[in-house]
Amino acid sequence: MIKRTACAGIFTWSAFQAERGIDFNGFLWVRPEGNVLIDPMELDQEGLADVHAKGGAAWILLTNYDHLRAAPRLADVLAAKILAPAGERERFGQDAGLVHGWFSTSADLPVDLQEEIDVIELRGGKSPIEAALFLKEPGALVFGDLVRSHVSGRLMLLPDPKLTDRAMALESLAALRSLTPAAVLLGDGDSFFFRAAEAFSEFLDSLA
């Protein structure tokens, strides 16, 4: 079932990962110009019916290749188009044919999304370049893998063994210090909908 969140227009659903002890999350952003799915997990029939009732989805945004997840099936069912980070194109391999568009900056996004989303390239994670997305109107900052919450209530960095370049990862995150998100949406673990800006600032301080 898709759950309403405290962030206006943002809905979420999850699948528990027993071996990791955390949820993997997908998000639906409801907007007049066309809804957006972000890193979607699989949806059962009830969840899919809920998405249809909310207007379907025009776009599916991915933060990295590992979050392709249920995107191809949902793109087919909802007649949505998949958009993915250009820096991840090599990792997609044969799956690159499933992607309708690649982005490095907001200017690469469809026109109706360009003014509503800031695209931030994050380097040094488990993939060379994953994307963070700042959804301006709800004030939601979306992370795929580099930032997670594998301890509920605490923002955390991807564990060191999975980082390709820790120094580069910290530099990428430091560039986000000017943001004051109303929510921090996480692909892995519990998202933050209250005190999000404070929690994000404290997280960045802990990395310094």
Protein backbone atom coordinates (compact mmCIF):
# COMPACT_ATOMS: atom_id res chain seq x y z
CA MET A 1 0.00 0.00 0.00
CA ILE A 2 1.25 3.49 -0.85
CA LYS A 3 1.50 5.73 2.20
CA ARG A 4 0.98 9.47 2.38
CA THR A 5 3.90 11.33 3.97
CA ALA A 6 4.25 14.63 5.83
CA CYS A 7 5.90 16.08 2.70
CA ALA A 8 3.27 17.58 0.39
CA GLY A 9 2.65 15.46 -2.69
CA ILE A 10 5.07 12.71 -1.69
CA PHE A 11 3.93 9.12 -1.19
CA THR A 12 6.08 6.10 -0.37
CA TRP A 13 6.05 2.31 -0.19
CA SER A 14 8.65 -0.17 0.99
CA ALA A 15 9.92 -3.74 0.88
CA PHE A 16 11.71 -5.06 3.97
CA GLN A 17 15.16 -6.56 3.35
CA ALA A 18 15.58 -9.18 6.07
CA GLU A 19 19.30 -9.78 5.43
CA ARG A 20 20.02 -6.07 5.88
CA GLY A 21 17.37 -5.29 8.47
CA ILE A 22 16.15 -2.21 6.58
CA ASP A 23 13.45 -1.17 4.12
CA PHE A 24 14.09 -0.42 0.47
CA ASN A 25 11.81 2.46 -0.56
CA GLY A 26 10.09 3.76 -3.65
CA PHE A 27 8.46 7.17 -3.99
CA LEU A 28 5.60 8.76 -5.89
CA TRP A 29 5.59 12.53 -6.40
CA VAL A 30 2.11 13.74 -7.33
CA ARG A 31 2.15 16.95 -9.38
CA PRO A 32 -0.30 18.65 -11.79
CA GLU A 33 2.07 18.42 -14.76
CA GLY A 34 2.43 14.64 -14.46
CA ASN A 35 3.35 12.35 -11.60
CA VAL A 36 6.87 11.03 -11.05
CA LEU A 37 8.02 7.71 -9.62
CA ILE A 38 11.47 7.71 -8.04
CA ASP A 39 13.49 4.48 -7.62
CA PRO A 40 10.27 2.45 -7.54
CA MET A 41 10.03 -0.87 -5.77
CA GLU A 42 7.60 -3.45 -7.11
CA LEU A 43 3.93 -2.62 -6.60
CA ASP A 44 1.19 -5.16 -5.95
CA GLN A 45 -2.18 -4.76 -7.62
CA GLU A 46 -3.54 -2.64 -4.77
CA GLY A 47 -0.55 -0.32 -4.91
CA LEU A 48 -0.71 -0.08 -8.68
CA ALA A 49 -4.40 0.75 -8.50
CA ASP A 50 -3.55 3.48 -5.98
CA VAL A 51 -1.00 4.99 -8.39
CA HIS A 52 -3.57 4.92 -11.19
CA ALA A 53 -6.11 6.61 -8.88
CA LYS A 54 -3.60 9.38 -8.20
CA GLY A 55 -3.10 10.05 -11.90
CA GLY A 56 -0.58 7.38 -12.94
CA ALA A 57 2.98 8.42 -13.71
CA ALA A 58 4.56 10.22 -16.65
CA TRP A 59 8.19 9.77 -15.59
CA ILE A 60 10.33 7.34 -13.60
CA LEU A 61 13.52 8.89 -12.22
CA LEU A 62 16.38 6.67 -11.12
CA THR A 63 19.28 7.68 -8.89
CA ASN A 64 21.55 4.82 -10.00
CA TYR A 65 21.59 1.53 -11.88
CA ASP A 66 21.01 -0.64 -8.81
CA HIS A 67 17.68 1.11 -8.32
CA LEU A 68 16.35 0.05 -11.71
CA ARG A 69 14.31 -2.39 -9.63
CA ALA A 70 10.70 -2.50 -10.85
CA ALA A 71 11.08 0.49 -13.20
CA PRO A 72 10.86 -1.44 -16.51
CA ARG A 73 7.62 -3.21 -15.61
CA LEU A 74 6.04 -0.08 -14.15
CA ALA A 75 7.10 1.95 -17.19
CA ASP A 76 5.30 -0.56 -19.38
CA VAL A 77 2.17 -0.73 -17.24
CA LEU A 78 1.90 3.03 -16.70
CA ALA A 79 3.21 4.18 -20.10
CA ALA A 80 5.90 6.14 -18.25
CA LYS A 81 9.40 6.99 -19.46
CA ILE A 82 12.53 6.06 -17.51
CA LEU A 83 15.22 8.70 -16.91
CA ALA A 84 18.60 7.78 -15.42
CA PRO A 85 21.97 9.40 -14.56
CA ALA A 86 24.27 9.67 -17.55
CA GLY A 87 27.23 8.78 -15.34
CA GLU A 88 25.67 5.36 -14.77
CA ARG A 89 25.10 4.54 -18.43
CA GLU A 90 28.01 2.11 -18.66
CA ARG A 91 26.75 0.17 -15.64
CA PHE A 92 23.35 -0.27 -17.27
CA GLY A 93 24.97 -2.35 -20.00
CA GLN A 94 22.29 -4.12 -22.03
CA ASP A 95 19.64 -2.55 -19.80
CA ALA A 96 20.52 0.87 -21.25
CA GLY A 97 17.92 0.19 -23.91
CA LEU A 98 15.23 0.40 -21.22
CA VAL A 99 16.10 4.04 -20.51
CA HIS A 100 14.35 6.79 -22.45
CA GLY A 101 16.63 9.65 -21.41
CA TRP A 102 19.89 10.37 -19.56
CA PHE A 103 20.65 13.34 -17.33
CA SER A 104 23.69 14.96 -15.76
CA THR A 105 22.07 18.28 -14.88
CA SER A 106 18.55 19.65 -14.60
CA ALA A 107 18.86 20.98 -18.14
CA ASP A 108 18.89 17.39 -19.42
CA LEU A 109 15.49 16.64 -17.89
CA PRO A 110 12.18 17.03 -19.73
CA VAL A 111 11.07 20.66 -19.91
CA ASP A 112 8.28 20.22 -17.36
CA LEU A 113 10.81 18.95 -14.77
CA GLN A 114 13.76 21.26 -15.39
CA GLU A 115 12.62 24.08 -13.13
CA GLU A 116 11.34 21.76 -10.41
CA ILE A 117 14.34 19.52 -9.77
CA ASP A 118 17.99 20.19 -9.00
CA VAL A 119 20.19 17.28 -10.09
CA ILE A 120 23.36 16.77 -8.03
CA GLU A 121 26.00 14.29 -9.15
CA LEU A 122 27.50 12.34 -6.25
CA ARG A 123 30.86 10.67 -6.75
CA GLY A 124 32.77 8.07 -4.78
CA GLY A 125 29.85 5.81 -3.84
CA LYS A 126 29.44 2.21 -4.92
CA SER A 127 28.94 3.49 -8.46
CA PRO A 128 31.10 6.15 -10.16
CA ILE A 129 28.36 8.79 -10.41
CA GLU A 130 24.95 8.45 -8.82
CA ALA A 131 22.40 11.25 -8.64
CA ALA A 132 20.80 13.04 -5.74
CA LEU A 133 17.59 14.91 -6.55
CA PHE A 134 16.27 18.02 -4.84
CA LEU A 135 12.56 18.41 -5.50
CA LYS A 136 12.12 22.14 -5.02
CA GLU A 137 8.40 22.55 -4.41
CA PRO A 138 8.05 19.96 -1.63
CA GLY A 139 11.64 20.66 -0.52
CA ALA A 140 12.56 16.97 -0.62
CA LEU A 141 16.16 15.80 -1.01
CA VAL A 142 16.35 12.28 -2.48
CA PHE A 143 19.31 9.93 -2.06
CA GLY A 144 19.74 6.54 -3.69
CA ASP A 145 22.62 4.70 -2.01
CA LEU A 146 25.36 7.05 -0.78
CA VAL A 147 23.24 8.35 2.10
CA ARG A 148 21.02 5.89 3.96
CA SER A 149 19.64 5.11 7.38
CA HIS A 150 20.55 1.57 8.33
CA VAL A 151 19.99 2.62 11.95
CA SER A 152 16.50 4.09 12.29
CA GLY A 153 16.53 7.80 13.14
CA ARG A 154 20.09 8.46 11.98
CA LEU A 155 21.43 9.52 8.59
CA MET A 156 24.49 7.50 7.68
CA LEU A 157 27.05 7.19 4.91
CA LEU A 158 27.27 4.06 2.80
CA PRO A 159 29.71 1.74 4.65
CA ASP A 160 33.37 2.25 3.74
CA PRO A 161 33.84 -1.17 2.08
CA LYS A 162 31.23 -0.18 -0.50
CA LEU A 163 32.71 3.24 -1.27
CA THR A 164 34.91 3.61 -4.34
CA ASP A 165 36.45 6.88 -3.08
CA ARG A 166 35.57 8.10 0.42
CA ALA A 167 37.26 11.51 0.01
CA MET A 168 35.35 12.16 -3.20
CA ALA A 169 32.10 11.05 -1.58
CA LEU A 170 32.58 13.47 1.31
CA GLU A 171 33.44 16.29 -1.10
CA SER A 172 30.26 15.62 -3.09
CA LEU A 173 28.11 15.72 0.04
CA ALA A 174 29.80 18.84 1.41
CA ALA A 175 28.61 20.69 -1.70
CA LEU A 176 25.01 20.17 -0.49
CA ARG A 177 25.48 22.07 2.77
CA SER A 178 23.51 25.08 1.52
CA LEU A 179 20.35 22.97 1.20
CA THR A 180 17.74 23.01 3.96
CA PRO A 181 15.47 20.10 3.02
CA ALA A 182 11.99 19.76 4.45
CA ALA A 183 12.38 16.00 3.97
CA VAL A 184 15.22 13.61 3.21
CA LEU A 185 13.99 10.66 1.16
CA LEU A 186 16.17 7.57 1.27
CA GLY A 187 16.24 4.61 -1.04
CA ASP A 188 17.58 2.48 1.81
CA GLY A 189 16.33 2.83 5.39
CA ASP A 190 13.97 5.26 7.08
CA SER A 191 13.34 8.63 5.41
CA PHE A 192 13.23 11.86 7.44
CA PHE A 193 10.11 14.03 7.44
CA PHE A 194 10.63 15.96 10.69
CA ARG A 195 13.70 17.99 11.65
CA ALA A 196 15.08 16.93 8.28
CA ALA A 197 17.24 20.02 7.71
CA GLU A 198 18.69 19.76 11.20
CA ALA A 199 19.34 16.04 10.83
CA PHE A 200 21.00 16.60 7.45
CA SER A 201 23.21 19.36 8.85
CA GLU A 202 24.21 17.17 11.80
CA PHE A 203 25.00 14.34 9.40
CA LEU A 204 27.29 16.57 7.33
CA ASP A 205 28.98 17.81 10.51
CA SER A 206 29.64 14.22 11.53
CA LEU A 207 31.52 13.63 8.28
CA ALA A 208 33.78 16.65 8.63
